[in-house]
Amino acid sequence: MLAERGFFVVGVDSRAYLESFTSATAALTPAEVAGDFRTLIAYASRATGQQPLLVGISEGAGLSVLAAADPSTPAVAGVIAIGLGDRNELAWRWKDSMIYLTHGVPSEPTFSVLALADRVAPTPLALVSSTHDEYVPDGEIDRIMAAAHAPKRLWMIDAADHRFSDQQERLARCLDDAVTWVRENGRR
């Protein structure tokens, strides 16, 4: 959606990213994730001459919040988190695919977005959530919003599922609105 609108996009497949650093005895640490995001932020900044905007979906949303909350991460224009839940993984193994049936959290090391949300400010935090998200329990996005400091904003979409499968056009409009809002509420 962003690339179609002319944005320079650096994409990361969150599951492949986690899987590539997961072994029988090791998982990523929050500091390693933040370090990897610092590398991506530096690359995007050099390519565009601007502060990048972190946009993540599901696990990618959680990783974006984790990176933005780390004090060693350079300033970014904002964070747009789509389908954000509280518990996010730091590892991925093939057995974790069971969550697609159970809609639970894998038995892996995790981090809590709720515990980090207050550290994102003064970077704008825009959340886009589905009313019928099978992975994010009712009330969880409200608790994340309550924990976050301004500037923050929530867009709720009456969508059938975590993927917004029946509301792709509405999701695209909300994403456009979120980008505009972040630009208007960024650091001055």
N, C-alpha and C. Protein backbone atom coordinates (compact mmCIF):
# COMPACT_ATOMS: atom_id res chain seq x y z
N MET A 1 0.82 -1.20 0.00
CA MET A 1 0.00 0.00 0.00
C MET A 1 0.87 1.26 0.00
N LEU A 2 1.93 1.26 0.81
CA LEU A 2 2.79 2.45 0.88
C LEU A 2 3.63 2.62 -0.37
N ALA A 3 4.17 1.52 -0.87
CA ALA A 3 4.98 1.60 -2.09
C ALA A 3 4.14 2.12 -3.26
N GLU A 4 2.87 1.68 -3.34
CA GLU A 4 1.97 2.15 -4.39
C GLU A 4 1.74 3.65 -4.31
N ARG A 5 1.91 4.23 -3.14
CA ARG A 5 1.71 5.66 -2.94
C ARG A 5 3.01 6.45 -3.05
N GLY A 6 4.07 5.79 -3.50
CA GLY A 6 5.33 6.47 -3.76
C GLY A 6 6.32 6.51 -2.61
N PHE A 7 6.02 5.82 -1.52
CA PHE A 7 6.95 5.80 -0.40
C PHE A 7 8.11 4.85 -0.68
N PHE A 8 9.28 5.19 -0.18
CA PHE A 8 10.43 4.30 -0.19
C PHE A 8 10.21 3.31 0.94
N VAL A 9 10.10 2.02 0.61
CA VAL A 9 9.75 1.00 1.60
C VAL A 9 10.89 0.00 1.75
N VAL A 10 11.28 -0.22 2.99
CA VAL A 10 12.22 -1.29 3.33
C VAL A 10 11.40 -2.32 4.08
N GLY A 11 11.15 -3.45 3.47
CA GLY A 11 10.28 -4.46 4.07
C GLY A 11 11.06 -5.55 4.77
N VAL A 12 10.51 -6.01 5.88
CA VAL A 12 11.10 -7.11 6.64
C VAL A 12 9.99 -8.12 6.92
N ASP A 13 10.22 -9.36 6.57
CA ASP A 13 9.30 -10.45 6.91
C ASP A 13 9.60 -10.84 8.36
N SER A 14 8.73 -10.47 9.27
CA SER A 14 8.99 -10.66 10.70
C SER A 14 9.22 -12.12 11.06
N ARG A 15 8.40 -12.99 10.53
CA ARG A 15 8.56 -14.42 10.86
C ARG A 15 9.91 -14.94 10.36
N ALA A 16 10.28 -14.59 9.13
CA ALA A 16 11.58 -15.03 8.59
C ALA A 16 12.72 -14.42 9.40
N TYR A 17 12.57 -13.16 9.79
CA TYR A 17 13.58 -12.49 10.60
C TYR A 17 13.79 -13.23 11.92
N LEU A 18 12.70 -13.49 12.63
CA LEU A 18 12.81 -14.20 13.90
C LEU A 18 13.36 -15.60 13.72
N GLU A 19 12.86 -16.30 12.72
CA GLU A 19 13.29 -17.68 12.47
C GLU A 19 14.79 -17.76 12.16
N SER A 20 15.30 -16.77 11.46
CA SER A 20 16.71 -16.80 11.07
C SER A 20 17.66 -16.63 12.26
N PHE A 21 17.15 -16.11 13.37
CA PHE A 21 17.99 -15.93 14.56
C PHE A 21 17.61 -16.88 15.69
N THR A 22 16.75 -17.84 15.40
CA THR A 22 16.30 -18.77 16.42
C THR A 22 17.01 -20.11 16.25
N SER A 23 17.53 -20.61 17.35
CA SER A 23 18.14 -21.94 17.35
C SER A 23 17.51 -22.74 18.48
N ALA A 24 17.99 -23.94 18.69
CA ALA A 24 17.45 -24.78 19.76
C ALA A 24 17.64 -24.13 21.13
N THR A 25 18.65 -23.29 21.26
CA THR A 25 18.95 -22.70 22.58
C THR A 25 18.94 -21.18 22.59
N ALA A 26 18.69 -20.53 21.46
CA ALA A 26 18.83 -19.07 21.42
C ALA A 26 17.64 -18.40 20.73
N ALA A 27 17.37 -17.19 21.16
CA ALA A 27 16.37 -16.32 20.55
C ALA A 27 16.96 -14.91 20.55
N LEU A 28 16.33 -14.03 19.81
CA LEU A 28 16.76 -12.64 19.82
C LEU A 28 16.49 -12.01 21.18
N THR A 29 17.24 -10.99 21.50
CA THR A 29 16.97 -10.19 22.70
C THR A 29 16.37 -8.87 22.24
N PRO A 30 15.68 -8.16 23.12
CA PRO A 30 15.17 -6.84 22.74
C PRO A 30 16.28 -5.91 22.25
N ALA A 31 17.45 -5.96 22.86
CA ALA A 31 18.56 -5.10 22.44
C ALA A 31 19.02 -5.45 21.03
N GLU A 32 19.02 -6.73 20.68
CA GLU A 32 19.42 -7.12 19.32
C GLU A 32 18.40 -6.64 18.29
N VAL A 33 17.11 -6.74 18.63
CA VAL A 33 16.08 -6.23 17.72
C VAL A 33 16.28 -4.74 17.51
N ALA A 34 16.46 -3.99 18.58
CA ALA A 34 16.68 -2.54 18.47
C ALA A 34 17.91 -2.24 17.62
N GLY A 35 18.97 -3.02 17.79
CA GLY A 35 20.18 -2.84 16.99
C GLY A 35 19.93 -3.08 15.52
N ASP A 36 19.17 -4.11 15.20
CA ASP A 36 18.84 -4.38 13.80
C ASP A 36 17.99 -3.26 13.22
N PHE A 37 17.06 -2.75 13.99
CA PHE A 37 16.24 -1.64 13.53
C PHE A 37 17.08 -0.38 13.35
N ARG A 38 18.08 -0.17 14.20
CA ARG A 38 18.98 0.99 14.01
C ARG A 38 19.65 0.91 12.64
N THR A 39 20.05 -0.28 12.24
CA THR A 39 20.66 -0.47 10.92
C THR A 39 19.66 -0.14 9.81
N LEU A 40 18.43 -0.62 9.93
CA LEU A 40 17.40 -0.34 8.93
C LEU A 40 17.06 1.15 8.88
N ILE A 41 16.98 1.78 10.05
CA ILE A 41 16.68 3.21 10.11
C ILE A 41 17.79 4.03 9.45
N ALA A 42 19.04 3.65 9.71
CA ALA A 42 20.18 4.36 9.09
C ALA A 42 20.13 4.21 7.57
N TYR A 43 19.84 3.01 7.09
CA TYR A 43 19.76 2.77 5.65
C TYR A 43 18.64 3.62 5.03
N ALA A 44 17.45 3.58 5.63
CA ALA A 44 16.32 4.33 5.08
C ALA A 44 16.59 5.83 5.14
N SER A 45 17.22 6.30 6.20
CA SER A 45 17.53 7.73 6.32
C SER A 45 18.50 8.18 5.24
N ARG A 46 19.53 7.36 4.99
CA ARG A 46 20.50 7.71 3.93
C ARG A 46 19.82 7.72 2.57
N ALA A 47 18.93 6.78 2.33
CA ALA A 47 18.29 6.67 1.02
C ALA A 47 17.31 7.81 0.75
N THR A 48 16.67 8.34 1.79
CA THR A 48 15.63 9.35 1.59
C THR A 48 16.02 10.73 2.09
N GLY A 49 17.00 10.82 2.97
CA GLY A 49 17.35 12.09 3.58
C GLY A 49 16.34 12.55 4.62
N GLN A 50 15.48 11.65 5.06
CA GLN A 50 14.44 11.99 6.04
C GLN A 50 14.42 10.95 7.16
N GLN A 51 13.78 11.33 8.27
CA GLN A 51 13.54 10.35 9.33
C GLN A 51 12.52 9.35 8.82
N PRO A 52 12.82 8.06 8.95
CA PRO A 52 11.85 7.07 8.47
C PRO A 52 10.66 6.93 9.41
N LEU A 53 9.63 6.36 8.87
CA LEU A 53 8.42 6.03 9.60
C LEU A 53 8.40 4.51 9.75
N LEU A 54 8.26 4.02 10.97
CA LEU A 54 8.18 2.58 11.20
C LEU A 54 6.72 2.15 11.09
N VAL A 55 6.44 1.30 10.12
CA VAL A 55 5.09 0.78 9.92
C VAL A 55 5.17 -0.72 10.02
N GLY A 56 4.44 -1.30 10.96
CA GLY A 56 4.48 -2.74 11.14
C GLY A 56 3.09 -3.32 11.23
N ILE A 57 2.99 -4.56 10.80
CA ILE A 57 1.73 -5.30 10.87
C ILE A 57 1.92 -6.49 11.78
N SER A 58 1.05 -6.65 12.76
CA SER A 58 1.05 -7.77 13.69
C SER A 58 2.38 -7.85 14.43
N GLU A 59 3.14 -8.92 14.25
CA GLU A 59 4.44 -9.05 14.92
C GLU A 59 5.37 -7.90 14.53
N GLY A 60 5.31 -7.48 13.27
CA GLY A 60 6.11 -6.35 12.83
C GLY A 60 5.75 -5.06 13.55
N ALA A 61 4.47 -4.93 13.92
CA ALA A 61 4.04 -3.77 14.70
C ALA A 61 4.69 -3.81 16.08
N GLY A 62 4.69 -4.98 16.69
CA GLY A 62 5.32 -5.13 18.00
C GLY A 62 6.81 -4.84 17.95
N LEU A 63 7.48 -5.37 16.93
CA LEU A 63 8.92 -5.13 16.79
C LEU A 63 9.21 -3.64 16.57
N SER A 64 8.33 -2.95 15.83
CA SER A 64 8.51 -1.52 15.59
C SER A 64 8.38 -0.73 16.90
N VAL A 65 7.40 -1.10 17.73
CA VAL A 65 7.25 -0.44 19.03
C VAL A 65 8.48 -0.72 19.90
N LEU A 66 8.93 -1.97 19.90
CA LEU A 66 10.13 -2.34 20.68
C LEU A 66 11.32 -1.48 20.27
N ALA A 67 11.53 -1.33 18.97
CA ALA A 67 12.66 -0.54 18.48
C ALA A 67 12.50 0.94 18.84
N ALA A 68 11.30 1.49 18.64
CA ALA A 68 11.08 2.91 18.92
C ALA A 68 11.20 3.23 20.41
N ALA A 69 10.90 2.26 21.26
CA ALA A 69 10.96 2.47 22.71
C ALA A 69 12.39 2.41 23.25
N ASP A 70 13.31 1.86 22.47
CA ASP A 70 14.69 1.74 22.92
C ASP A 70 15.38 3.10 22.86
N PRO A 71 15.98 3.55 23.95
CA PRO A 71 16.59 4.89 23.96
C PRO A 71 17.77 5.05 23.00
N SER A 72 18.36 3.95 22.54
CA SER A 72 19.49 4.07 21.62
C SER A 72 19.04 4.13 20.15
N THR A 73 17.75 4.00 19.91
CA THR A 73 17.25 4.08 18.54
C THR A 73 17.19 5.54 18.11
N PRO A 74 17.73 5.85 16.93
CA PRO A 74 17.66 7.23 16.45
C PRO A 74 16.20 7.66 16.25
N ALA A 75 15.98 8.94 16.23
CA ALA A 75 14.63 9.47 16.06
C ALA A 75 14.02 8.99 14.75
N VAL A 76 12.77 8.59 14.84
CA VAL A 76 12.00 8.24 13.65
C VAL A 76 10.80 9.17 13.59
N ALA A 77 10.21 9.30 12.40
CA ALA A 77 9.08 10.20 12.23
C ALA A 77 7.86 9.76 13.03
N GLY A 78 7.71 8.46 13.21
CA GLY A 78 6.58 7.94 13.95
C GLY A 78 6.51 6.44 13.81
N VAL A 79 5.54 5.86 14.53
CA VAL A 79 5.29 4.43 14.46
C VAL A 79 3.81 4.25 14.12
N ILE A 80 3.55 3.46 13.10
CA ILE A 80 2.18 3.06 12.77
C ILE A 80 2.13 1.55 12.98
N ALA A 81 1.31 1.13 13.94
CA ALA A 81 1.22 -0.28 14.31
C ALA A 81 -0.17 -0.80 13.94
N ILE A 82 -0.20 -1.74 13.02
CA ILE A 82 -1.45 -2.31 12.51
C ILE A 82 -1.61 -3.71 13.09
N GLY A 83 -2.73 -3.95 13.74
CA GLY A 83 -2.98 -5.28 14.32
C GLY A 83 -2.05 -5.59 15.48
N LEU A 84 -1.76 -4.59 16.29
CA LEU A 84 -0.81 -4.72 17.39
C LEU A 84 -1.44 -5.42 18.59
N GLY A 85 -0.74 -6.42 19.10
CA GLY A 85 -1.12 -7.07 20.34
C GLY A 85 -0.06 -6.83 21.40
N ASP A 86 -0.36 -7.19 22.63
CA ASP A 86 0.58 -6.97 23.72
C ASP A 86 1.77 -7.91 23.65
N ARG A 87 1.55 -9.19 23.55
CA ARG A 87 2.63 -10.19 23.58
C ARG A 87 3.17 -10.44 22.18
N ASN A 88 4.47 -10.25 22.02
CA ASN A 88 5.14 -10.45 20.73
C ASN A 88 6.36 -11.31 20.94
N GLU A 89 6.67 -12.12 19.96
CA GLU A 89 7.73 -13.11 20.07
C GLU A 89 9.11 -12.55 19.74
N LEU A 90 10.11 -13.21 20.32
CA LEU A 90 11.51 -12.94 20.00
C LEU A 90 12.16 -14.14 19.33
N ALA A 91 11.35 -15.14 18.98
CA ALA A 91 11.84 -16.34 18.30
C ALA A 91 10.69 -16.94 17.50
N TRP A 92 11.05 -17.79 16.52
CA TRP A 92 10.03 -18.50 15.74
C TRP A 92 10.59 -19.84 15.29
N ARG A 93 9.82 -20.89 15.56
CA ARG A 93 10.14 -22.25 15.13
C ARG A 93 8.94 -22.79 14.38
N TRP A 94 9.14 -23.82 13.55
CA TRP A 94 8.05 -24.36 12.75
C TRP A 94 6.87 -24.77 13.63
N LYS A 95 7.13 -25.28 14.83
CA LYS A 95 6.05 -25.71 15.73
C LYS A 95 5.15 -24.54 16.14
N ASP A 96 5.65 -23.33 16.02
CA ASP A 96 4.87 -22.16 16.40
C ASP A 96 3.72 -21.89 15.43
N SER A 97 3.72 -22.55 14.29
CA SER A 97 2.64 -22.39 13.32
C SER A 97 1.29 -22.82 13.89
N MET A 98 1.30 -23.53 15.00
CA MET A 98 0.05 -23.94 15.65
C MET A 98 -0.80 -22.73 16.05
N ILE A 99 -0.19 -21.56 16.21
CA ILE A 99 -0.99 -20.39 16.60
C ILE A 99 -2.01 -20.04 15.54
N TYR A 100 -1.78 -20.46 14.31
CA TYR A 100 -2.75 -20.15 13.26
C TYR A 100 -4.05 -20.91 13.49
N LEU A 101 -3.99 -21.99 14.26
CA LEU A 101 -5.19 -22.74 14.64
C LEU A 101 -5.71 -22.34 16.01
N THR A 102 -4.79 -22.14 16.95
CA THR A 102 -5.18 -21.86 18.33
C THR A 102 -5.42 -20.38 18.61
N HIS A 103 -4.84 -19.51 17.77
CA HIS A 103 -4.89 -18.05 17.96
C HIS A 103 -4.24 -17.63 19.27
N GLY A 104 -3.32 -18.43 19.76
CA GLY A 104 -2.61 -18.12 20.99
C GLY A 104 -1.24 -17.53 20.72
N VAL A 105 -0.44 -17.46 21.76
CA VAL A 105 0.93 -16.96 21.67
C VAL A 105 1.85 -18.17 21.67
N PRO A 106 2.84 -18.22 20.77
CA PRO A 106 3.76 -19.35 20.76
C PRO A 106 4.52 -19.49 22.08
N SER A 107 4.98 -20.68 22.33
CA SER A 107 5.78 -20.94 23.53
C SER A 107 7.23 -20.55 23.23
N GLU A 108 7.44 -19.25 23.16
CA GLU A 108 8.74 -18.67 22.85
C GLU A 108 8.98 -17.49 23.78
N PRO A 109 10.21 -17.01 23.85
CA PRO A 109 10.45 -15.77 24.60
C PRO A 109 9.63 -14.65 23.97
N THR A 110 9.04 -13.82 24.81
CA THR A 110 8.20 -12.73 24.32
C THR A 110 8.58 -11.42 25.01
N PHE A 111 8.00 -10.35 24.50
CA PHE A 111 8.09 -9.06 25.17
C PHE A 111 6.69 -8.46 25.17
N SER A 112 6.47 -7.52 26.08
CA SER A 112 5.17 -6.89 26.24
C SER A 112 5.18 -5.47 25.69
N VAL A 113 4.33 -5.22 24.71
CA VAL A 113 4.17 -3.86 24.18
C VAL A 113 3.58 -2.96 25.26
N LEU A 114 2.69 -3.51 26.06
CA LEU A 114 2.08 -2.73 27.15
C LEU A 114 3.15 -2.15 28.07
N ALA A 115 4.21 -2.91 28.32
CA ALA A 115 5.30 -2.44 29.19
C ALA A 115 6.20 -1.42 28.50
N LEU A 116 6.12 -1.31 27.18
CA LEU A 116 6.99 -0.41 26.42
C LEU A 116 6.29 0.82 25.88
N ALA A 117 4.97 0.78 25.80
CA ALA A 117 4.21 1.81 25.08
C ALA A 117 4.50 3.22 25.58
N ASP A 118 4.75 3.38 26.87
CA ASP A 118 4.99 4.72 27.41
C ASP A 118 6.35 5.28 27.02
N ARG A 119 7.23 4.44 26.48
CA ARG A 119 8.58 4.88 26.12
C ARG A 119 8.70 5.36 24.67
N VAL A 120 7.63 5.21 23.89
CA VAL A 120 7.68 5.62 22.49
C VAL A 120 7.64 7.13 22.36
N ALA A 121 6.85 7.81 23.17
CA ALA A 121 6.73 9.27 23.13
C ALA A 121 8.09 9.91 23.40
N PRO A 122 8.38 11.00 22.74
CA PRO A 122 7.50 11.90 22.01
C PRO A 122 7.27 11.53 20.55
N THR A 123 7.73 10.35 20.14
CA THR A 123 7.47 9.89 18.78
C THR A 123 5.98 9.57 18.66
N PRO A 124 5.30 10.07 17.61
CA PRO A 124 3.88 9.77 17.45
C PRO A 124 3.64 8.26 17.28
N LEU A 125 2.62 7.76 17.96
CA LEU A 125 2.24 6.35 17.90
C LEU A 125 0.81 6.27 17.37
N ALA A 126 0.67 5.71 16.17
CA ALA A 126 -0.64 5.53 15.53
C ALA A 126 -0.96 4.04 15.50
N LEU A 127 -2.13 3.68 16.03
CA LEU A 127 -2.54 2.28 16.07
C LEU A 127 -3.76 2.09 15.19
N VAL A 128 -3.75 1.02 14.39
CA VAL A 128 -4.89 0.65 13.57
C VAL A 128 -5.27 -0.77 13.98
N SER A 129 -6.52 -0.94 14.39
CA SER A 129 -6.94 -2.22 14.95
C SER A 129 -8.27 -2.67 14.37
N SER A 130 -8.45 -3.98 14.33
CA SER A 130 -9.70 -4.60 13.86
C SER A 130 -10.61 -4.87 15.06
N THR A 131 -11.90 -4.65 14.86
CA THR A 131 -12.86 -4.91 15.93
C THR A 131 -13.04 -6.40 16.19
N HIS A 132 -12.66 -7.25 15.25
CA HIS A 132 -12.85 -8.70 15.38
C HIS A 132 -11.51 -9.42 15.18
N ASP A 133 -10.48 -8.93 15.83
CA ASP A 133 -9.14 -9.50 15.71
C ASP A 133 -9.05 -10.76 16.56
N GLU A 134 -8.85 -11.89 15.91
CA GLU A 134 -8.81 -13.16 16.62
C GLU A 134 -7.52 -13.38 17.41
N TYR A 135 -6.52 -12.54 17.21
CA TYR A 135 -5.25 -12.66 17.94
C TYR A 135 -5.09 -11.62 19.06
N VAL A 136 -5.87 -10.57 19.01
CA VAL A 136 -5.76 -9.51 20.01
C VAL A 136 -7.05 -9.50 20.83
N PRO A 137 -7.00 -9.95 22.08
CA PRO A 137 -8.22 -10.03 22.90
C PRO A 137 -8.88 -8.66 23.10
N ASP A 138 -10.20 -8.71 23.30
CA ASP A 138 -10.95 -7.48 23.56
C ASP A 138 -10.30 -6.70 24.70
N GLY A 139 -10.22 -5.41 24.52
CA GLY A 139 -9.68 -4.52 25.54
C GLY A 139 -8.17 -4.36 25.52
N GLU A 140 -7.46 -5.24 24.84
CA GLU A 140 -6.00 -5.16 24.85
C GLU A 140 -5.49 -3.89 24.19
N ILE A 141 -6.06 -3.52 23.05
CA ILE A 141 -5.60 -2.31 22.36
C ILE A 141 -5.92 -1.08 23.21
N ASP A 142 -7.03 -1.12 23.95
CA ASP A 142 -7.36 0.00 24.84
C ASP A 142 -6.34 0.13 25.96
N ARG A 143 -5.86 -1.00 26.49
CA ARG A 143 -4.85 -0.95 27.55
C ARG A 143 -3.52 -0.42 27.00
N ILE A 144 -3.18 -0.79 25.78
CA ILE A 144 -1.96 -0.28 25.16
C ILE A 144 -2.08 1.23 24.95
N MET A 145 -3.24 1.67 24.45
CA MET A 145 -3.46 3.12 24.26
C MET A 145 -3.38 3.86 25.58
N ALA A 146 -3.94 3.28 26.63
CA ALA A 146 -3.92 3.94 27.94
C ALA A 146 -2.49 4.05 28.47
N ALA A 147 -1.66 3.07 28.17
CA ALA A 147 -0.27 3.09 28.65
C ALA A 147 0.61 4.05 27.86
N ALA A 148 0.27 4.27 26.60
CA ALA A 148 1.09 5.15 25.74
C ALA A 148 0.87 6.61 26.11
N HIS A 149 1.92 7.41 25.88
CA HIS A 149 1.83 8.85 26.10
C HIS A 149 1.59 9.54 24.76
N ALA A 150 1.04 10.74 24.82
CA ALA A 150 0.81 11.54 23.62
C ALA A 150 2.16 11.92 23.01
N PRO A 151 2.15 12.04 21.69
CA PRO A 151 1.03 11.96 20.76
C PRO A 151 0.71 10.50 20.40
N LYS A 152 -0.57 10.17 20.47
CA LYS A 152 -1.04 8.83 20.15
C LYS A 152 -2.44 8.93 19.58
N ARG A 153 -2.78 7.95 18.73
CA ARG A 153 -4.12 7.93 18.15
C ARG A 153 -4.46 6.51 17.74
N LEU A 154 -5.73 6.18 17.85
CA LEU A 154 -6.23 4.84 17.51
C LEU A 154 -7.30 4.94 16.43
N TRP A 155 -7.17 4.11 15.40
CA TRP A 155 -8.20 3.94 14.40
C TRP A 155 -8.75 2.52 14.58
N MET A 156 -10.05 2.38 14.81
CA MET A 156 -10.70 1.07 14.89
C MET A 156 -11.47 0.84 13.60
N ILE A 157 -11.26 -0.32 13.01
CA ILE A 157 -11.94 -0.68 11.78
C ILE A 157 -12.84 -1.88 12.08
N ASP A 158 -14.09 -1.78 11.69
CA ASP A 158 -15.03 -2.90 11.86
C ASP A 158 -14.71 -3.94 10.79
N ALA A 159 -13.70 -4.75 11.09
CA ALA A 159 -13.21 -5.76 10.15
C ALA A 159 -13.44 -7.15 10.72
N ALA A 160 -13.49 -8.13 9.84
CA ALA A 160 -13.84 -9.50 10.20
C ALA A 160 -12.74 -10.24 10.96
N ASP A 161 -11.48 -9.78 10.80
CA ASP A 161 -10.38 -10.56 11.36
C ASP A 161 -9.11 -9.74 11.49
N HIS A 162 -8.06 -10.39 11.94
CA HIS A 162 -6.75 -9.78 12.14
C HIS A 162 -6.17 -9.22 10.85
N ARG A 163 -6.52 -9.82 9.73
CA ARG A 163 -5.99 -9.44 8.42
C ARG A 163 -6.81 -8.33 7.74
N PHE A 164 -7.88 -7.87 8.39
CA PHE A 164 -8.75 -6.87 7.80
C PHE A 164 -9.24 -7.34 6.43
N SER A 165 -9.46 -8.66 6.30
CA SER A 165 -9.71 -9.25 4.98
C SER A 165 -10.92 -8.67 4.26
N ASP A 166 -11.92 -8.22 4.98
CA ASP A 166 -13.10 -7.65 4.34
C ASP A 166 -13.08 -6.12 4.32
N GLN A 167 -11.98 -5.52 4.74
CA GLN A 167 -11.90 -4.06 4.82
C GLN A 167 -10.57 -3.52 4.31
N GLN A 168 -10.05 -4.08 3.25
CA GLN A 168 -8.76 -3.64 2.72
C GLN A 168 -8.77 -2.18 2.26
N GLU A 169 -9.86 -1.74 1.64
CA GLU A 169 -9.94 -0.34 1.21
C GLU A 169 -9.99 0.59 2.41
N ARG A 170 -10.73 0.22 3.43
CA ARG A 170 -10.81 1.03 4.66
C ARG A 170 -9.45 1.07 5.34
N LEU A 171 -8.75 -0.08 5.36
CA LEU A 171 -7.41 -0.14 5.93
C LEU A 171 -6.48 0.82 5.19
N ALA A 172 -6.55 0.83 3.87
CA ALA A 172 -5.70 1.73 3.08
C ALA A 172 -5.99 3.19 3.41
N ARG A 173 -7.27 3.55 3.57
CA ARG A 173 -7.62 4.93 3.93
C ARG A 173 -7.12 5.28 5.33
N CYS A 174 -7.25 4.35 6.27
CA CYS A 174 -6.75 4.60 7.63
C CYS A 174 -5.24 4.74 7.63
N LEU A 175 -4.56 3.95 6.83
CA LEU A 175 -3.11 4.06 6.73
C LEU A 175 -2.72 5.44 6.20
N ASP A 176 -3.42 5.91 5.17
CA ASP A 176 -3.18 7.26 4.66
C ASP A 176 -3.42 8.30 5.75
N ASP A 177 -4.53 8.15 6.48
CA ASP A 177 -4.85 9.09 7.58
C ASP A 177 -3.76 9.05 8.65
N ALA A 178 -3.28 7.85 8.97
CA ALA A 178 -2.26 7.70 10.01
C ALA A 178 -0.95 8.37 9.59
N VAL A 179 -0.56 8.21 8.34
CA VAL A 179 0.66 8.86 7.85
C VAL A 179 0.52 10.38 7.96
N THR A 180 -0.62 10.90 7.55
CA THR A 180 -0.86 12.35 7.64
C THR A 180 -0.82 12.80 9.10
N TRP A 181 -1.48 12.06 9.98
CA TRP A 181 -1.51 12.41 11.41
C TRP A 181 -0.10 12.40 12.01
N VAL A 182 0.70 11.39 11.67
CA VAL A 182 2.07 11.32 12.19
C VAL A 182 2.85 12.54 11.74
N ARG A 183 2.74 12.90 10.48
CA ARG A 183 3.46 14.08 9.97
C ARG A 183 3.03 15.35 10.71
N GLU A 184 1.75 15.45 11.02
CA GLU A 184 1.24 16.65 11.71
C GLU A 184 1.62 16.67 13.18
N ASN A 185 1.91 15.53 13.77
CA ASN A 185 2.16 15.44 15.20
C ASN A 185 3.58 15.03 15.55
N GLY A 186 4.46 15.06 14.57
CA GLY A 186 5.85 14.68 14.80
C GLY A 186 6.60 15.71 15.64
N ARG A 187 7.80 15.34 15.97
CA ARG A 187 8.67 16.24 16.74
C ARG A 187 8.90 17.53 16.00
N ARG A 188 8.88 18.59 16.70
CA ARG A 188 9.11 19.90 16.06
C ARG A 188 10.37 20.50 16.60
